[in-house]
C-alpha atoms as a PDB file:
ATOM      1  CA  MET A   1      -7.018  16.436  24.626  1.00  0.00           C
ATOM      2  CA  PRO A   2     -10.603  17.610  25.056  1.00  0.00           C
ATOM      3  CA  TYR A   3     -13.268  15.682  23.189  1.00  0.00           C
ATOM      4  CA  SER A   4     -16.544  17.024  21.894  1.00  0.00           C
ATOM      5  CA  PRO A   5     -19.770  15.564  23.329  1.00  0.00           C
ATOM      6  CA  GLY A   6     -20.311  12.025  22.112  1.00  0.00           C
ATOM      7  CA  GLN A   7     -16.747  11.648  20.910  1.00  0.00           C
ATOM      8  CA  THR A   8     -14.515   9.190  22.700  1.00  0.00           C
ATOM      9  CA  GLN A   9     -10.839   8.462  22.594  1.00  0.00           C
ATOM     10  CA  ASP A  10     -11.590   5.360  20.491  1.00  0.00           C
ATOM     11  CA  ASP A  11     -13.364   7.482  17.886  1.00  0.00           C
ATOM     12  CA  GLU A  12     -10.424   9.860  17.732  1.00  0.00           C
ATOM     13  CA  HIS A  13      -7.925   7.016  17.373  1.00  0.00           C
ATOM     14  CA  LEU A  14      -9.978   5.366  14.619  1.00  0.00           C
ATOM     15  CA  LYS A  15     -10.220   8.699  12.808  1.00  0.00           C
ATOM     16  CA  LEU A  16      -6.447   9.182  12.971  1.00  0.00           C
ATOM     17  CA  LEU A  17      -5.820   5.612  11.808  1.00  0.00           C
ATOM     18  CA  ALA A  18      -8.108   6.172   8.825  1.00  0.00           C
ATOM     19  CA  ILE A  19      -6.236   9.356   7.895  1.00  0.00           C
ATOM     20  CA  PHE A  20      -2.872   7.585   8.113  1.00  0.00           C
ATOM     21  CA  HIS A  21      -4.189   4.649   6.073  1.00  0.00           C
ATOM     22  CA  TYR A  22      -5.278   7.084   3.357  1.00  0.00           C
ATOM     23  CA  ALA A  23      -1.792   8.627   3.429  1.00  0.00           C
ATOM     24  CA  MET A  24      -0.094   5.224   3.191  1.00  0.00           C
ATOM     25  CA  GLY A  25      -2.434   4.324   0.333  1.00  0.00           C
ATOM     26  CA  GLY A  26      -1.217   7.416  -1.484  1.00  0.00           C
ATOM     27  CA  LEU A  27       2.372   6.334  -0.871  1.00  0.00           C
ATOM     28  CA  GLY A  28       1.442   2.932  -2.285  1.00  0.00           C
ATOM     29  CA  PHE A  29       0.298   4.624  -5.485  1.00  0.00           C
ATOM     30  CA  LEU A  30       3.509   6.624  -5.492  1.00  0.00           C
ATOM     31  CA  GLY A  31       5.408   3.328  -5.363  1.00  0.00           C
ATOM     32  CA  ALA A  32       3.694   2.363  -8.607  1.00  0.00           C
ATOM     33  CA  LEU A  33       5.622   5.177 -10.285  1.00  0.00           C
ATOM     34  CA  GLY A  34       8.845   3.346  -9.452  1.00  0.00           C
ATOM     35  CA  GLY A  35       7.563   0.293 -11.283  1.00  0.00           C
ATOM     36  CA  ALA A  36       6.473   2.458 -14.203  1.00  0.00           C
ATOM     37  CA  PHE A  37       9.945   3.997 -14.457  1.00  0.00           C
ATOM     38  CA  TYR A  38      11.436   0.504 -14.417  1.00  0.00           C
ATOM     39  CA  MET A  39       9.094  -0.483 -17.274  1.00  0.00           C
ATOM     40  CA  LEU A  40      10.124   2.618 -19.207  1.00  0.00           C
ATOM     41  CA  ALA A  41      13.750   1.628 -18.764  1.00  0.00           C
ATOM     42  CA  GLY A  42      12.923  -1.737 -20.324  1.00  0.00           C
ATOM     43  CA  PHE A  43      11.199  -0.064 -23.269  1.00  0.00           C
ATOM     44  CA  PHE A  44      14.201   2.252 -23.595  1.00  0.00           C
ATOM     45  CA  VAL A  45      16.441  -0.806 -23.872  1.00  0.00           C
ATOM     46  CA  PHE A  46      14.244  -2.045 -26.749  1.00  0.00           C
ATOM     47  CA  GLN A  47      14.399   1.301 -28.561  1.00  0.00           C
ATOM     48  CA  LYS A  48      18.160   1.846 -28.241  1.00  0.00           C
ATOM     49  CA  MET A  49      19.266  -1.734 -28.756  1.00  0.00           C
ATOM     50  CA  PRO A  50      21.707  -1.986 -31.656  1.00  0.00           C
ATOM     51  CA  THR A  51      21.054  -4.494 -34.376  1.00  0.00           C
ATOM     52  CA  PRO A  52      22.972  -7.648 -33.567  1.00  0.00           C
ATOM     53  CA  SER A  53      26.002  -8.373 -35.678  1.00  0.00           C
ATOM     54  CA  PRO A  54      28.284 -11.379 -35.483  1.00  0.00           C
ATOM     55  CA  ALA A  55      31.347  -9.234 -34.711  1.00  0.00           C
ATOM     56  CA  HIS A  56      29.593  -7.057 -32.126  1.00  0.00           C
ATOM     57  CA  GLY A  57      28.066  -8.732 -29.096  1.00  0.00           C
ATOM     58  CA  SER A  58      24.888  -6.896 -28.112  1.00  0.00           C
ATOM     59  CA  PRO A  59      22.877  -7.415 -24.947  1.00  0.00           C
ATOM     60  CA  PRO A  60      20.105  -9.949 -25.297  1.00  0.00           C
ATOM     61  CA  VAL A  61      16.534  -8.774 -25.793  1.00  0.00           C
ATOM     62  CA  GLU A  62      15.550 -10.655 -22.633  1.00  0.00           C
ATOM     63  CA  ILE A  63      17.124  -7.905 -20.516  1.00  0.00           C
ATOM     64  CA  GLY A  64      14.547  -5.431 -21.793  1.00  0.00           C
ATOM     65  CA  TRP A  65      11.736  -7.918 -21.132  1.00  0.00           C
ATOM     66  CA  LEU A  66      13.073  -8.504 -17.630  1.00  0.00           C
ATOM     67  CA  PHE A  67      12.822  -4.789 -16.887  1.00  0.00           C
ATOM     68  CA  VAL A  68       9.297  -4.594 -18.322  1.00  0.00           C
ATOM     69  CA  ILE A  69       8.018  -7.645 -16.430  1.00  0.00           C
ATOM     70  CA  ILE A  70       9.541  -6.709 -13.076  1.00  0.00           C
ATOM     71  CA  GLY A  71       8.447  -3.085 -13.443  1.00  0.00           C
ATOM     72  CA  GLY A  72       4.914  -4.129 -14.364  1.00  0.00           C
ATOM     73  CA  PHE A  73       4.740  -6.514 -11.413  1.00  0.00           C
ATOM     74  CA  VAL A  74       5.952  -3.839  -8.992  1.00  0.00           C
ATOM     75  CA  ALA A  75       3.510  -1.287 -10.408  1.00  0.00           C
ATOM     76  CA  LEU A  76       0.527  -3.660 -10.183  1.00  0.00           C
ATOM     77  CA  LEU A  77       1.472  -4.773  -6.687  1.00  0.00           C
ATOM     78  CA  SER A  78       1.847  -1.165  -5.533  1.00  0.00           C
ATOM     79  CA  ILE A  79      -1.507  -0.194  -7.007  1.00  0.00           C
ATOM     80  CA  ALA A  80      -3.214  -3.180  -5.364  1.00  0.00           C
ATOM     81  CA  TYR A  81      -1.565  -2.302  -2.039  1.00  0.00           C
ATOM     82  CA  GLY A  82      -2.699   1.321  -2.328  1.00  0.00           C
ATOM     83  CA  ILE A  83      -6.268   0.286  -3.137  1.00  0.00           C
ATOM     84  CA  CYS A  84      -6.364  -2.130  -0.199  1.00  0.00           C
ATOM     85  CA  LEU A  85      -5.074   0.559   2.163  1.00  0.00           C
ATOM     86  CA  ILE A  86      -7.719   3.004   0.979  1.00  0.00           C
ATOM     87  CA  LEU A  87     -10.383   0.314   1.450  1.00  0.00           C
ATOM     88  CA  ALA A  88      -9.025  -0.300   4.958  1.00  0.00           C
ATOM     89  CA  ALA A  89      -9.202   3.429   5.696  1.00  0.00           C
ATOM     90  CA  ARG A  90     -12.788   3.503   4.480  1.00  0.00           C
ATOM     91  CA  SER A  91     -13.582   0.447   6.621  1.00  0.00           C
ATOM     92  CA  LEU A  92     -12.069   2.128   9.678  1.00  0.00           C
ATOM     93  CA  THR A  93     -14.194   5.199   9.028  1.00  0.00           C
ATOM     94  CA  MET A  94     -17.378   3.159   8.639  1.00  0.00           C
ATOM     95  CA  ARG A  95     -16.477   0.746  11.491  1.00  0.00           C
ATOM     96  CA  ARG A  96     -16.761  -2.341   9.289  1.00  0.00           C
ATOM     97  CA  ASN A  97     -14.515  -5.216   8.189  1.00  0.00           C
ATOM     98  CA  ARG A  98     -12.350  -5.307  11.298  1.00  0.00           C
ATOM     99  CA  THR A  99     -10.668  -8.525  10.148  1.00  0.00           C
ATOM    100  CA  PHE A 100      -9.683  -6.937   6.822  1.00  0.00           C
ATOM    101  CA  CYS A 101      -8.250  -3.952   8.700  1.00  0.00           C
ATOM    102  CA  MET A 102      -6.191  -6.288  10.874  1.00  0.00           C
ATOM    103  CA  VAL A 103      -4.915  -8.182   7.821  1.00  0.00           C
ATOM    104  CA  MET A 104      -3.855  -4.898   6.254  1.00  0.00           C
ATOM    105  CA  ALA A 105      -2.199  -3.921   9.550  1.00  0.00           C
ATOM    106  CA  GLY A 106      -0.164  -7.127   9.337  1.00  0.00           C
ATOM    107  CA  ILE A 107       0.858  -6.385   5.753  1.00  0.00           C
ATOM    108  CA  ASN A 108       1.739  -2.827   6.787  1.00  0.00           C
ATOM    109  CA  CYS A 109       4.135  -4.202   9.380  1.00  0.00           C
ATOM    110  CA  LEU A 110       6.296  -5.477   6.499  1.00  0.00           C
ATOM    111  CA  HIS A 111       6.882  -1.925   5.225  1.00  0.00           C
ATOM    112  CA  PHE A 112       9.500  -0.565   7.593  1.00  0.00           C
ATOM    113  CA  PRO A 113       9.464   2.057   9.152  1.00  0.00           C
ATOM    114  CA  LEU A 114       6.190   3.928   8.463  1.00  0.00           C
ATOM    115  CA  GLY A 115       4.103   0.864   7.667  1.00  0.00           C
ATOM    116  CA  THR A 116       5.398  -0.904  10.763  1.00  0.00           C
ATOM    117  CA  LEU A 117       4.357   1.995  12.980  1.00  0.00           C
ATOM    118  CA  LEU A 118       0.934   2.191  11.358  1.00  0.00           C
ATOM    119  CA  GLY A 119       0.433  -1.568  11.566  1.00  0.00           C
ATOM    120  CA  VAL A 120       1.400  -1.796  15.235  1.00  0.00           C
ATOM    121  CA  PHE A 121      -0.789   1.143  16.236  1.00  0.00           C
ATOM    122  CA  THR A 122      -3.661  -0.296  14.213  1.00  0.00           C
ATOM    123  CA  PHE A 123      -3.351  -3.583  16.091  1.00  0.00           C
ATOM    124  CA  ILE A 124      -3.192  -1.763  19.425  1.00  0.00           C
ATOM    125  CA  VAL A 125      -6.411   0.126  18.682  1.00  0.00           C
ATOM    126  CA  LEU A 126      -8.338  -2.692  17.006  1.00  0.00           C
ATOM    127  CA  ILE A 127      -7.772  -5.265  19.750  1.00  0.00           C
ATOM    128  CA  ARG A 128      -9.427  -3.078  22.377  1.00  0.00           C
ATOM    129  CA  PRO A 129     -12.769  -4.588  23.424  1.00  0.00           C
ATOM    130  CA  SER A 130     -14.473  -1.182  23.181  1.00  0.00           C
ATOM    131  CA  VAL A 131     -13.292  -0.775  19.577  1.00  0.00           C
ATOM    132  CA  ALA A 132     -14.242  -4.341  18.680  1.00  0.00           C
ATOM    133  CA  ALA A 133     -17.749  -3.615  19.984  1.00  0.00           C
ATOM    134  CA  ARG A 134     -17.992  -0.579  17.681  1.00  0.00           C
ATOM    135  CA  PHE A 135     -17.236  -2.770  14.674  1.00  0.00           C
ATOM    136  CA  GLU A 136     -19.879  -5.335  15.661  1.00  0.00           C
ATOM    137  CA  ARG A 137     -22.609  -2.737  16.068  1.00  0.00           C
ATOM    138  CA  PRO A 138     -24.528  -1.941  12.879  1.00  0.00           C
ATOM    139  CA  ASN A 139     -24.273   1.714  11.863  1.00  0.00           C
END
């Protein structure tokens, strides 16, 4: 692949990693929709729950709360993950916070298969001495 003057293979790899981190951050936000749907299911349980009667056993109200709490937790966690990935992408672009980028690469490895690929390739690029030197240099 031909490179323009002043552009190295490390620069190209860091650029691609940043793009893929932005994409994974978007998928993280998309995951928050799953949590939101789960919360809506919990609210739906509240709305459609019949009034309890002694002869008719109705599901406990706690089931609705369980849906709301789990859905809210998943949504918040997905949003936080998406924000952190976007911050990591920005850090890769600006060549700052190498340690944060490596931490996010480790967390990405837990999200099989795409996150694992991105995390492993991020580690491979960030442990190169030439790339580490770019992060230590002030821009």
